[in-house]
PDB file of N, CA and C in Angstrom:
ATOM      1  N   UNK A   1     -24.817 -27.450  10.182  1.00  0.00           N
ATOM      2  CA  UNK A   1     -24.372 -27.255   8.812  1.00  0.00           C
ATOM      3  C   UNK A   1     -24.324 -25.779   8.445  1.00  0.00           C
ATOM      4  N   UNK A   2     -25.366 -25.034   8.798  1.00  0.00           N
ATOM      5  CA  UNK A   2     -25.404 -23.611   8.457  1.00  0.00           C
ATOM      6  C   UNK A   2     -24.266 -22.866   9.145  1.00  0.00           C
ATOM      7  N   UNK A   3     -23.935 -23.254  10.370  1.00  0.00           N
ATOM      8  CA  UNK A   3     -22.852 -22.576  11.082  1.00  0.00           C
ATOM      9  C   UNK A   3     -21.502 -22.853  10.437  1.00  0.00           C
ATOM     10  N   UNK A   4     -21.316 -24.032   9.886  1.00  0.00           N
ATOM     11  CA  UNK A   4     -20.070 -24.322   9.167  1.00  0.00           C
ATOM     12  C   UNK A   4     -19.910 -23.378   7.978  1.00  0.00           C
ATOM     13  N   UNK A   5     -20.988 -23.146   7.261  1.00  0.00           N
ATOM     14  CA  UNK A   5     -20.944 -22.235   6.119  1.00  0.00           C
ATOM     15  C   UNK A   5     -20.763 -20.797   6.583  1.00  0.00           C
ATOM     16  N   UNK A   6     -21.391 -20.434   7.673  1.00  0.00           N
ATOM     17  CA  UNK A   6     -21.222 -19.078   8.219  1.00  0.00           C
ATOM     18  C   UNK A   6     -19.779 -18.880   8.680  1.00  0.00           C
ATOM     19  N   UNK A   7     -19.181 -19.912   9.232  1.00  0.00           N
ATOM     20  CA  UNK A   7     -17.786 -19.836   9.652  1.00  0.00           C
ATOM     21  C   UNK A   7     -16.889 -19.615   8.435  1.00  0.00           C
ATOM     22  N   UNK A   8     -17.116 -20.374   7.394  1.00  0.00           N
ATOM     23  CA  UNK A   8     -16.346 -20.196   6.155  1.00  0.00           C
ATOM     24  C   UNK A   8     -16.545 -18.792   5.599  1.00  0.00           C
ATOM     25  N   UNK A   9     -17.790 -18.316   5.638  1.00  0.00           N
ATOM     26  CA  UNK A   9     -18.087 -16.969   5.149  1.00  0.00           C
ATOM     27  C   UNK A   9     -17.333 -15.930   5.969  1.00  0.00           C
ATOM     28  N   UNK A  10     -17.375 -16.053   7.275  1.00  0.00           N
ATOM     29  CA  UNK A  10     -16.670 -15.112   8.152  1.00  0.00           C
ATOM     30  C   UNK A  10     -15.186 -15.075   7.828  1.00  0.00           C
ATOM     31  N   UNK A  11     -14.574 -16.231   7.736  1.00  0.00           N
ATOM     32  CA  UNK A  11     -13.134 -16.280   7.474  1.00  0.00           C
ATOM     33  C   UNK A  11     -12.783 -15.723   6.091  1.00  0.00           C
ATOM     34  N   UNK A  12     -13.620 -15.980   5.102  1.00  0.00           N
ATOM     35  CA  UNK A  12     -13.405 -15.410   3.762  1.00  0.00           C
ATOM     36  C   UNK A  12     -13.558 -13.892   3.784  1.00  0.00           C
ATOM     37  N   UNK A  13     -14.549 -13.399   4.514  1.00  0.00           N
ATOM     38  CA  UNK A  13     -14.746 -11.949   4.625  1.00  0.00           C
ATOM     39  C   UNK A  13     -13.539 -11.281   5.262  1.00  0.00           C
ATOM     40  N   UNK A  14     -13.014 -11.895   6.322  1.00  0.00           N
ATOM     41  CA  UNK A  14     -11.827 -11.348   6.984  1.00  0.00           C
ATOM     42  C   UNK A  14     -10.659 -11.306   6.006  1.00  0.00           C
ATOM     43  N   UNK A  15     -10.415 -12.417   5.322  1.00  0.00           N
ATOM     44  CA  UNK A  15      -9.287 -12.488   4.388  1.00  0.00           C
ATOM     45  C   UNK A  15      -9.426 -11.462   3.260  1.00  0.00           C
ATOM     46  N   UNK A  16     -10.611 -11.407   2.648  1.00  0.00           N
ATOM     47  CA  UNK A  16     -10.821 -10.500   1.507  1.00  0.00           C
ATOM     48  C   UNK A  16     -10.833  -9.034   1.949  1.00  0.00           C
ATOM     49  N   UNK A  17     -11.268  -8.769   3.151  1.00  0.00           N
ATOM     50  CA  UNK A  17     -11.230  -7.398   3.668  1.00  0.00           C
ATOM     51  C   UNK A  17      -9.786  -6.994   3.922  1.00  0.00           C
ATOM     52  N   UNK A  18      -9.021  -7.893   4.527  1.00  0.00           N
ATOM     53  CA  UNK A  18      -7.616  -7.598   4.822  1.00  0.00           C
ATOM     54  C   UNK A  18      -6.789  -7.369   3.566  1.00  0.00           C
ATOM     55  N   UNK A  19      -7.106  -8.092   2.481  1.00  0.00           N
ATOM     56  CA  UNK A  19      -6.308  -7.903   1.266  1.00  0.00           C
ATOM     57  C   UNK A  19      -6.894  -6.855   0.320  1.00  0.00           C
ATOM     58  N   UNK A  20      -7.972  -6.193   0.740  1.00  0.00           N
ATOM     59  CA  UNK A  20      -8.545  -5.094  -0.033  1.00  0.00           C
ATOM     60  C   UNK A  20      -9.460  -5.506  -1.168  1.00  0.00           C
ATOM     61  N   UNK A  21      -9.884  -6.768  -1.204  1.00  0.00           N
ATOM     62  CA  UNK A  21     -10.751  -7.248  -2.284  1.00  0.00           C
ATOM     63  C   UNK A  21     -12.205  -6.834  -2.126  1.00  0.00           C
ATOM     64  N   UNK A  22     -12.610  -6.462  -0.910  1.00  0.00           N
ATOM     65  CA  UNK A  22     -14.001  -6.092  -0.656  1.00  0.00           C
ATOM     66  C   UNK A  22     -14.107  -4.592  -0.407  1.00  0.00           C
ATOM     67  N   UNK A  23     -15.255  -4.029  -0.747  1.00  0.00           N
ATOM     68  CA  UNK A  23     -15.507  -2.602  -0.537  1.00  0.00           C
ATOM     69  C   UNK A  23     -16.664  -2.445   0.447  1.00  0.00           C
ATOM     70  N   UNK A  24     -16.354  -2.191   1.708  1.00  0.00           N
ATOM     71  CA  UNK A  24     -17.358  -2.003   2.743  1.00  0.00           C
ATOM     72  C   UNK A  24     -17.879  -0.577   2.688  1.00  0.00           C
ATOM     73  N   UNK A  25     -19.140  -0.414   3.067  1.00  0.00           N
ATOM     74  CA  UNK A  25     -19.744   0.911   3.119  1.00  0.00           C
ATOM     75  C   UNK A  25     -20.618   1.027   4.358  1.00  0.00           C
ATOM     76  N   UNK A  26     -20.895   2.263   4.726  1.00  0.00           N
ATOM     77  CA  UNK A  26     -21.764   2.499   5.868  1.00  0.00           C
ATOM     78  C   UNK A  26     -23.221   2.278   5.492  1.00  0.00           C
ATOM     79  N   UNK A  27     -24.064   2.233   6.492  1.00  0.00           N
ATOM     80  CA  UNK A  27     -25.507   2.100   6.286  1.00  0.00           C
ATOM     81  C   UNK A  27     -26.201   3.236   7.027  1.00  0.00           C
ATOM     82  N   UNK A  28     -27.507   3.310   6.894  1.00  0.00           N
ATOM     83  CA  UNK A  28     -28.282   4.313   7.612  1.00  0.00           C
ATOM     84  C   UNK A  28     -28.241   4.066   9.125  1.00  0.00           C
ATOM     85  N   UNK A  29     -28.031   2.825   9.500  1.00  0.00           N
ATOM     86  CA  UNK A  29     -27.954   2.468  10.921  1.00  0.00           C
ATOM     87  C   UNK A  29     -26.532   2.705  11.425  1.00  0.00           C
ATOM     88  N   UNK A  30     -26.400   3.400  12.517  1.00  0.00           N
ATOM     89  CA  UNK A  30     -25.076   3.676  13.068  1.00  0.00           C
ATOM     90  C   UNK A  30     -24.411   2.389  13.545  1.00  0.00           C
ATOM     91  N   UNK A  31     -23.127   2.251  13.192  1.00  0.00           N
ATOM     92  CA  UNK A  31     -22.359   1.092  13.636  1.00  0.00           C
ATOM     93  C   UNK A  31     -22.624  -0.177  12.847  1.00  0.00           C
ATOM     94  N   UNK A  32     -23.281  -0.051  11.698  1.00  0.00           N
ATOM     95  CA  UNK A  32     -23.535  -1.203  10.833  1.00  0.00           C
ATOM     96  C   UNK A  32     -22.859  -0.927   9.497  1.00  0.00           C
ATOM     97  N   UNK A  33     -22.017  -1.863   9.073  1.00  0.00           N
ATOM     98  CA  UNK A  33     -21.271  -1.720   7.823  1.00  0.00           C
ATOM     99  C   UNK A  33     -21.593  -2.913   6.941  1.00  0.00           C
ATOM    100  N   UNK A  34     -21.603  -2.680   5.637  1.00  0.00           N
ATOM    101  CA  UNK A  34     -22.022  -3.756   4.743  1.00  0.00           C
ATOM    102  C   UNK A  34     -21.183  -3.810   3.486  1.00  0.00           C
ATOM    103  N   UNK A  35     -21.179  -4.993   2.918  1.00  0.00           N
ATOM    104  CA  UNK A  35     -20.578  -5.227   1.611  1.00  0.00           C
ATOM    105  C   UNK A  35     -21.669  -5.894   0.776  1.00  0.00           C
ATOM    106  N   UNK A  36     -21.825  -5.401  -0.449  1.00  0.00           N
ATOM    107  CA  UNK A  36     -22.909  -5.887  -1.306  1.00  0.00           C
ATOM    108  C   UNK A  36     -22.386  -6.829  -2.377  1.00  0.00           C
ATOM    109  N   UNK A  37     -23.192  -7.823  -2.655  1.00  0.00           N
ATOM    110  CA  UNK A  37     -22.959  -8.784  -3.712  1.00  0.00           C
ATOM    111  C   UNK A  37     -24.166  -8.714  -4.642  1.00  0.00           C
ATOM    112  N   UNK A  38     -24.129  -9.341  -5.812  1.00  0.00           N
ATOM    113  CA  UNK A  38     -25.253  -9.206  -6.743  1.00  0.00           C
ATOM    114  C   UNK A  38     -26.632  -9.520  -6.144  1.00  0.00           C
ATOM    115  N   UNK A  39     -26.744 -10.535  -5.325  1.00  0.00           N
ATOM    116  CA  UNK A  39     -28.059 -10.917  -4.795  1.00  0.00           C
ATOM    117  C   UNK A  39     -28.190 -10.819  -3.278  1.00  0.00           C
ATOM    118  N   UNK A  40     -27.088 -10.491  -2.606  1.00  0.00           N
ATOM    119  CA  UNK A  40     -27.101 -10.492  -1.147  1.00  0.00           C
ATOM    120  C   UNK A  40     -26.246  -9.359  -0.601  1.00  0.00           C
ATOM    121  N   UNK A  41     -26.504  -9.033   0.644  1.00  0.00           N
ATOM    122  CA  UNK A  41     -25.695  -8.058   1.365  1.00  0.00           C
ATOM    123  C   UNK A  41     -25.276  -8.698   2.677  1.00  0.00           C
ATOM    124  N   UNK A  42     -24.013  -8.519   3.030  1.00  0.00           N
ATOM    125  CA  UNK A  42     -23.513  -9.010   4.308  1.00  0.00           C
ATOM    126  C   UNK A  42     -23.212  -7.795   5.167  1.00  0.00           C
ATOM    127  N   UNK A  43     -23.666  -7.841   6.406  1.00  0.00           N
ATOM    128  CA  UNK A  43     -23.444  -6.743   7.337  1.00  0.00           C
ATOM    129  C   UNK A  43     -22.703  -7.226   8.565  1.00  0.00           C
ATOM    130  N   UNK A  44     -21.893  -6.331   9.111  1.00  0.00           N
ATOM    131  CA  UNK A  44     -21.237  -6.581  10.400  1.00  0.00           C
ATOM    132  C   UNK A  44     -21.646  -5.431  11.312  1.00  0.00           C
ATOM    133  N   UNK A  45     -22.009  -5.770  12.533  1.00  0.00           N
ATOM    134  CA  UNK A  45     -22.435  -4.745  13.483  1.00  0.00           C
ATOM    135  C   UNK A  45     -21.994  -5.122  14.889  1.00  0.00           C
ATOM    136  N   UNK A  46     -21.955  -4.109  15.737  1.00  0.00           N
ATOM    137  CA  UNK A  46     -21.671  -4.321  17.151  1.00  0.00           C
ATOM    138  C   UNK A  46     -22.981  -4.127  17.908  1.00  0.00           C
ATOM    139  N   UNK A  47     -23.337  -5.136  18.677  1.00  0.00           N
ATOM    140  CA  UNK A  47     -24.558  -5.067  19.480  1.00  0.00           C
ATOM    141  C   UNK A  47     -24.188  -5.367  20.921  1.00  0.00           C
ATOM    142  N   UNK A  48     -24.140  -4.334  21.707  1.00  0.00           N
ATOM    143  CA  UNK A  48     -23.701  -4.518  23.086  1.00  0.00           C
ATOM    144  C   UNK A  48     -22.266  -4.984  23.098  1.00  0.00           C
ATOM    145  N   UNK A  49     -22.028  -6.136  23.686  1.00  0.00           N
ATOM    146  CA  UNK A  49     -20.676  -6.684  23.750  1.00  0.00           C
ATOM    147  C   UNK A  49     -20.415  -7.721  22.657  1.00  0.00           C
ATOM    148  N   UNK A  50     -21.380  -7.915  21.758  1.00  0.00           N
ATOM    149  CA  UNK A  50     -21.249  -8.916  20.707  1.00  0.00           C
ATOM    150  C   UNK A  50     -21.083  -8.260  19.341  1.00  0.00           C
ATOM    151  N   UNK A  51     -20.456  -9.004  18.444  1.00  0.00           N
ATOM    152  CA  UNK A  51     -20.419  -8.629  17.036  1.00  0.00           C
ATOM    153  C   UNK A  51     -21.343  -9.595  16.313  1.00  0.00           C
ATOM    154  N   UNK A  52     -22.086  -9.068  15.340  1.00  0.00           N
ATOM    155  CA  UNK A  52     -23.082  -9.885  14.650  1.00  0.00           C
ATOM    156  C   UNK A  52     -22.867  -9.793  13.149  1.00  0.00           C
ATOM    157  N   UNK A  53     -22.857 -10.946  12.509  1.00  0.00           N
ATOM    158  CA  UNK A  53     -22.762 -11.059  11.059  1.00  0.00           C
ATOM    159  C   UNK A  53     -24.164 -11.375  10.545  1.00  0.00           C
ATOM    160  N   UNK A  54     -24.646 -10.572   9.588  1.00  0.00           N
ATOM    161  CA  UNK A  54     -26.007 -10.710   9.070  1.00  0.00           C
ATOM    162  C   UNK A  54     -25.965 -10.844   7.555  1.00  0.00           C
ATOM    163  N   UNK A  55     -26.762 -11.762   7.025  1.00  0.00           N
ATOM    164  CA  UNK A  55     -26.912 -11.902   5.577  1.00  0.00           C
ATOM    165  C   UNK A  55     -28.339 -11.497   5.231  1.00  0.00           C
ATOM    166  N   UNK A  56     -28.459 -10.575   4.262  1.00  0.00           N
ATOM    167  CA  UNK A  56     -29.769 -10.125   3.788  1.00  0.00           C
ATOM    168  C   UNK A  56     -29.905 -10.424   2.301  1.00  0.00           C
ATOM    169  N   UNK A  57     -31.134 -10.712   1.879  1.00  0.00           N
ATOM    170  CA  UNK A  57     -31.369 -10.913   0.450  1.00  0.00           C
ATOM    171  C   UNK A  57     -31.590  -9.557  -0.218  1.00  0.00           C
ATOM    172  N   UNK A  58     -31.871  -9.562  -1.522  1.00  0.00           N
ATOM    173  CA  UNK A  58     -32.024  -8.325  -2.280  1.00  0.00           C
ATOM    174  C   UNK A  58     -33.184  -7.465  -1.778  1.00  0.00           C
ATOM    175  N   UNK A  59     -34.164  -8.077  -1.139  1.00  0.00           N
ATOM    176  CA  UNK A  59     -35.305  -7.335  -0.592  1.00  0.00           C
ATOM    177  C   UNK A  59     -35.030  -6.805   0.808  1.00  0.00           C
ATOM    178  N   UNK A  60     -33.890  -7.160   1.386  1.00  0.00           N
ATOM    179  CA  UNK A  60     -33.544  -6.695   2.725  1.00  0.00           C
ATOM    180  C   UNK A  60     -33.946  -7.635   3.842  1.00  0.00           C
ATOM    181  N   UNK A  61     -34.513  -8.773   3.499  1.00  0.00           N
ATOM    182  CA  UNK A  61     -34.921  -9.756   4.498  1.00  0.00           C
ATOM    183  C   UNK A  61     -33.695 -10.440   5.086  1.00  0.00           C
ATOM    184  N   UNK A  62     -33.672 -10.582   6.405  1.00  0.00           N
ATOM    185  CA  UNK A  62     -32.575 -11.284   7.060  1.00  0.00           C
ATOM    186  C   UNK A  62     -32.707 -12.783   6.783  1.00  0.00           C
ATOM    187  N   UNK A  63     -31.685 -13.344   6.173  1.00  0.00           N
ATOM    188  CA  UNK A  63     -31.666 -14.776   5.889  1.00  0.00           C
ATOM    189  C   UNK A  63     -30.980 -15.560   6.994  1.00  0.00           C
ATOM    190  N   UNK A  64     -29.924 -14.966   7.546  1.00  0.00           N
ATOM    191  CA  UNK A  64     -29.136 -15.648   8.579  1.00  0.00           C
ATOM    192  C   UNK A  64     -28.416 -14.601   9.400  1.00  0.00           C
ATOM    193  N   UNK A  65     -28.243 -14.904  10.665  1.00  0.00           N
ATOM    194  CA  UNK A  65     -27.513 -14.030  11.573  1.00  0.00           C
ATOM    195  C   UNK A  65     -26.724 -14.884  12.541  1.00  0.00           C
ATOM    196  N   UNK A  66     -25.520 -14.442  12.866  1.00  0.00           N
ATOM    197  CA  UNK A  66     -24.718 -15.181  13.839  1.00  0.00           C
ATOM    198  C   UNK A  66     -23.870 -14.195  14.630  1.00  0.00           C
ATOM    199  N   UNK A  67     -23.914 -14.335  15.947  1.00  0.00           N
ATOM    200  CA  UNK A  67     -23.079 -13.520  16.840  1.00  0.00           C
ATOM    201  C   UNK A  67     -21.751 -14.228  17.052  1.00  0.00           C
ATOM    202  N   UNK A  68     -20.761 -13.465  17.507  1.00  0.00           N
ATOM    203  CA  UNK A  68     -19.435 -14.047  17.731  1.00  0.00           C
ATOM    204  C   UNK A  68     -19.479 -15.246  18.663  1.00  0.00           C
ATOM    205  N   UNK A  69     -20.374 -15.230  19.630  1.00  0.00           N
ATOM    206  CA  UNK A  69     -20.461 -16.334  20.596  1.00  0.00           C
ATOM    207  C   UNK A  69     -20.839 -17.653  19.929  1.00  0.00           C
ATOM    208  N   UNK A  70     -21.518 -17.586  18.796  1.00  0.00           N
ATOM    209  CA  UNK A  70     -21.944 -18.804  18.105  1.00  0.00           C
ATOM    210  C   UNK A  70     -20.802 -19.504  17.374  1.00  0.00           C
ATOM    211  N   UNK A  71     -19.682 -18.806  17.208  1.00  0.00           N
ATOM    212  CA  UNK A  71     -18.536 -19.384  16.519  1.00  0.00           C
ATOM    213  C   UNK A  71     -17.509 -19.991  17.483  1.00  0.00           C
ATOM    214  N   UNK A  72     -17.818 -19.998  18.764  1.00  0.00           N
ATOM    215  CA  UNK A  72     -16.822 -20.397  19.765  1.00  0.00           C
ATOM    216  C   UNK A  72     -16.311 -21.822  19.598  1.00  0.00           C
ATOM    217  N   UNK A  73     -17.115 -22.715  19.070  1.00  0.00           N
ATOM    218  CA  UNK A  73     -16.659 -24.099  18.851  1.00  0.00           C
ATOM    219  C   UNK A  73     -16.083 -24.310  17.456  1.00  0.00           C
ATOM    220  N   UNK A  74     -16.043 -23.246  16.659  1.00  0.00           N
ATOM    221  CA  UNK A  74     -15.606 -23.378  15.272  1.00  0.00           C
ATOM    222  C   UNK A  74     -14.239 -22.746  15.000  1.00  0.00           C
ATOM    223  N   UNK A  75     -13.954 -21.609  15.627  1.00  0.00           N
ATOM    224  CA  UNK A  75     -12.681 -20.921  15.415  1.00  0.00           C
ATOM    225  C   UNK A  75     -12.139 -20.430  16.741  1.00  0.00           C
ATOM    226  N   UNK A  76     -10.824 -20.225  16.780  1.00  0.00           N
ATOM    227  CA  UNK A  76     -10.200 -19.703  17.987  1.00  0.00           C
ATOM    228  C   UNK A  76     -10.515 -18.219  18.102  1.00  0.00           C
ATOM    229  N   UNK A  77     -10.884 -17.780  19.275  1.00  0.00           N
ATOM    230  CA  UNK A  77     -11.139 -16.390  19.593  1.00  0.00           C
ATOM    231  C   UNK A  77     -12.030 -15.688  18.559  1.00  0.00           C
ATOM    232  N   UNK A  78     -13.272 -16.141  18.445  1.00  0.00           N
ATOM    233  CA  UNK A  78     -14.173 -15.558  17.453  1.00  0.00           C
ATOM    234  C   UNK A  78     -14.457 -14.081  17.690  1.00  0.00           C
ATOM    235  N   UNK A  79     -14.441 -13.653  18.960  1.00  0.00           N
ATOM    236  CA  UNK A  79     -14.692 -12.236  19.224  1.00  0.00           C
ATOM    237  C   UNK A  79     -13.594 -11.372  18.610  1.00  0.00           C
ATOM    238  N   UNK A  80     -12.347 -11.790  18.739  1.00  0.00           N
ATOM    239  CA  UNK A  80     -11.240 -11.035  18.152  1.00  0.00           C
ATOM    240  C   UNK A  80     -11.322 -11.044  16.629  1.00  0.00           C
ATOM    241  N   UNK A  81     -11.721 -12.163  16.049  1.00  0.00           N
ATOM    242  CA  UNK A  81     -11.856 -12.265  14.596  1.00  0.00           C
ATOM    243  C   UNK A  81     -12.933 -11.323  14.091  1.00  0.00           C
ATOM    244  N   UNK A  82     -14.084 -11.323  14.757  1.00  0.00           N
ATOM    245  CA  UNK A  82     -15.174 -10.451  14.318  1.00  0.00           C
ATOM    246  C   UNK A  82     -14.872  -8.988  14.639  1.00  0.00           C
ATOM    247  N   UNK A  83     -14.169  -8.740  15.726  1.00  0.00           N
ATOM    248  CA  UNK A  83     -13.747  -7.370  16.027  1.00  0.00           C
ATOM    249  C   UNK A  83     -12.827  -6.852  14.930  1.00  0.00           C
ATOM    250  N   UNK A  84     -11.890  -7.688  14.493  1.00  0.00           N
ATOM    251  CA  UNK A  84     -10.985  -7.301  13.410  1.00  0.00           C
ATOM    252  C   UNK A  84     -11.769  -6.964  12.149  1.00  0.00           C
ATOM    253  N   UNK A  85     -12.745  -7.800  11.801  1.00  0.00           N
ATOM    254  CA  UNK A  85     -13.573  -7.543  10.623  1.00  0.00           C
ATOM    255  C   UNK A  85     -14.341  -6.242  10.794  1.00  0.00           C
ATOM    256  N   UNK A  86     -14.933  -6.047  11.953  1.00  0.00           N
ATOM    257  CA  UNK A  86     -15.722  -4.837  12.220  1.00  0.00           C
ATOM    258  C   UNK A  86     -14.849  -3.584  12.107  1.00  0.00           C
ATOM    259  N   UNK A  87     -13.696  -3.596  12.747  1.00  0.00           N
ATOM    260  CA  UNK A  87     -12.803  -2.432  12.728  1.00  0.00           C
ATOM    261  C   UNK A  87     -12.343  -2.134  11.298  1.00  0.00           C
ATOM    262  N   UNK A  88     -11.959  -3.151  10.558  1.00  0.00           N
ATOM    263  CA  UNK A  88     -11.497  -2.942   9.186  1.00  0.00           C
ATOM    264  C   UNK A  88     -12.623  -2.494   8.265  1.00  0.00           C
ATOM    265  N   UNK A  89     -13.819  -3.043   8.443  1.00  0.00           N
ATOM    266  CA  UNK A  89     -14.973  -2.620   7.642  1.00  0.00           C
ATOM    267  C   UNK A  89     -15.305  -1.160   7.951  1.00  0.00           C
ATOM    268  N   UNK A  90     -15.278  -0.791   9.226  1.00  0.00           N
ATOM    269  CA  UNK A  90     -15.560   0.586   9.643  1.00  0.00           C
ATOM    270  C   UNK A  90     -14.533   1.544   9.058  1.00  0.00           C
ATOM    271  N   UNK A  91     -13.261   1.205   9.207  1.00  0.00           N
ATOM    272  CA  UNK A  91     -12.192   2.067   8.686  1.00  0.00           C
ATOM    273  C   UNK A  91     -12.349   2.284   7.187  1.00  0.00           C
ATOM    274  N   UNK A  92     -12.657   1.222   6.480  1.00  0.00           N
ATOM    275  CA  UNK A  92     -12.818   1.322   5.033  1.00  0.00           C
ATOM    276  C   UNK A  92     -14.049   2.154   4.673  1.00  0.00           C
ATOM    277  N   UNK A  93     -15.179   1.879   5.326  1.00  0.00           N
ATOM    278  CA  UNK A  93     -16.425   2.590   5.028  1.00  0.00           C
ATOM    279  C   UNK A  93     -16.326   4.084   5.328  1.00  0.00           C
ATOM    280  N   UNK A  94     -15.613   4.426   6.386  1.00  0.00           N
ATOM    281  CA  UNK A  94     -15.500   5.830   6.777  1.00  0.00           C
ATOM    282  C   UNK A  94     -14.326   6.544   6.112  1.00  0.00           C
ATOM    283  N   UNK A  95     -13.492   5.806   5.410  1.00  0.00           N
ATOM    284  CA  UNK A  95     -12.347   6.423   4.743  1.00  0.00           C
ATOM    285  C   UNK A  95     -11.286   6.909   5.714  1.00  0.00           C
ATOM    286  N   UNK A  96     -11.067   6.160   6.778  1.00  0.00           N
ATOM    287  CA  UNK A  96     -10.119   6.552   7.812  1.00  0.00           C
ATOM    288  C   UNK A  96      -8.699   6.692   7.265  1.00  0.00           C
ATOM    289  N   UNK A  97      -8.255   5.745   6.467  1.00  0.00           N
ATOM    290  CA  UNK A  97      -6.885   5.814   5.946  1.00  0.00           C
ATOM    291  C   UNK A  97      -6.679   7.026   5.044  1.00  0.00           C
ATOM    292  N   UNK A  98      -7.680   7.333   4.218  1.00  0.00           N
ATOM    293  CA  UNK A  98      -7.581   8.516   3.351  1.00  0.00           C
ATOM    294  C   UNK A  98      -7.524   9.788   4.197  1.00  0.00           C
ATOM    295  N   UNK A  99      -8.305   9.840   5.264  1.00  0.00           N
ATOM    296  CA  UNK A  99      -8.294  11.004   6.158  1.00  0.00           C
ATOM    297  C   UNK A  99      -6.935  11.159   6.828  1.00  0.00           C
ATOM    298  N   UNK A 100      -6.377  10.048   7.295  1.00  0.00           N
ATOM    299  CA  UNK A 100      -5.064  10.101   7.938  1.00  0.00           C
ATOM    300  C   UNK A 100      -3.984  10.543   6.952  1.00  0.00           C
ATOM    301  N   UNK A 101      -4.034  10.015   5.723  1.00  0.00           N
ATOM    302  CA  UNK A 101      -3.071  10.431   4.700  1.00  0.00           C
ATOM    303  C   UNK A 101      -3.173  11.928   4.429  1.00  0.00           C
ATOM    304  N   UNK A 102      -4.396  12.422   4.331  1.00  0.00           N
ATOM    305  CA  UNK A 102      -4.618  13.841   4.082  1.00  0.00           C
ATOM    306  C   UNK A 102      -4.083  14.688   5.223  1.00  0.00           C
ATOM    307  N   UNK A 103      -4.377  14.293   6.442  1.00  0.00           N
ATOM    308  CA  UNK A 103      -3.892  15.042   7.609  1.00  0.00           C
ATOM    309  C   UNK A 103      -2.369  15.041   7.681  1.00  0.00           C
ATOM    310  N   UNK A 104      -1.770  13.885   7.416  1.00  0.00           N
ATOM    311  CA  UNK A 104      -0.307  13.816   7.429  1.00  0.00           C
ATOM    312  C   UNK A 104       0.311  14.702   6.344  1.00  0.00           C
ATOM    313  N   UNK A 105      -0.317  14.731   5.159  1.00  0.00           N
ATOM    314  CA  UNK A 105       0.162  15.613   4.095  1.00  0.00           C
ATOM    315  C   UNK A 105       0.071  17.071   4.516  1.00  0.00           C
ATOM    316  N   UNK A 106      -1.046  17.438   5.121  1.00  0.00           N
ATOM    317  CA  UNK A 106      -1.239  18.838   5.571  1.00  0.00           C
ATOM    318  C   UNK A 106      -0.208  19.207   6.635  1.00  0.00           C
ATOM    319  N   UNK A 107       0.037  18.297   7.550  1.00  0.00           N
ATOM    320  CA  UNK A 107       1.019  18.570   8.611  1.00  0.00           C
ATOM    321  C   UNK A 107       2.422  18.683   8.045  1.00  0.00           C
ATOM    322  N   UNK A 108       2.748  17.864   7.048  1.00  0.00           N
ATOM    323  CA  UNK A 108       4.087  17.941   6.474  1.00  0.00           C
ATOM    324  C   UNK A 108       4.302  19.273   5.740  1.00  0.00           C
ATOM    325  N   UNK A 109       3.250  19.839   5.190  1.00  0.00           N
ATOM    326  CA  UNK A 109       3.341  21.137   4.523  1.00  0.00           C
ATOM    327  C   UNK A 109       3.595  22.255   5.537  1.00  0.00           C
ATOM    328  N   UNK A 110       3.057  22.122   6.727  1.00  0.00           N
ATOM    329  CA  UNK A 110       3.193  23.160   7.755  1.00  0.00           C
ATOM    330  C   UNK A 110       4.570  23.154   8.403  1.00  0.00           C
ATOM    331  N   UNK A 111       5.252  22.007   8.355  1.00  0.00           N
ATOM    332  CA  UNK A 111       6.578  21.933   8.958  1.00  0.00           C
ATOM    333  C   UNK A 111       7.686  22.192   7.949  1.00  0.00           C
ATOM    334  N   UNK A 112       7.312  22.303   6.686  1.00  0.00           N
ATOM    335  CA  UNK A 112       8.336  22.522   5.641  1.00  0.00           C
ATOM    336  C   UNK A 112       8.631  23.991   5.472  1.00  0.00           C
TER     337      UNK A 112
END
């Protein structure tokens, strides 16, 4: 039962991240990105060859954790799904698109 809810959560996170509804941020831990809600925080991280989705309460206690391998019977290609979430969360948290826009603007000024 818990994995069904985690699967729904994962798919909602992917959808809302892709459409820009969520605001991911970095954490003190390298390679861990999070989105905060009023009472909980959801984190995505890369651990070795796995991606891990973690839910923490307001005190920081881990309530639930699931690696991509645990979703194999629930969704097609869970590693690719979690990789997509991780990459998009990272890009958003680090401001990659804003950096690229800035660099492109600077380069266009130099060629004009």
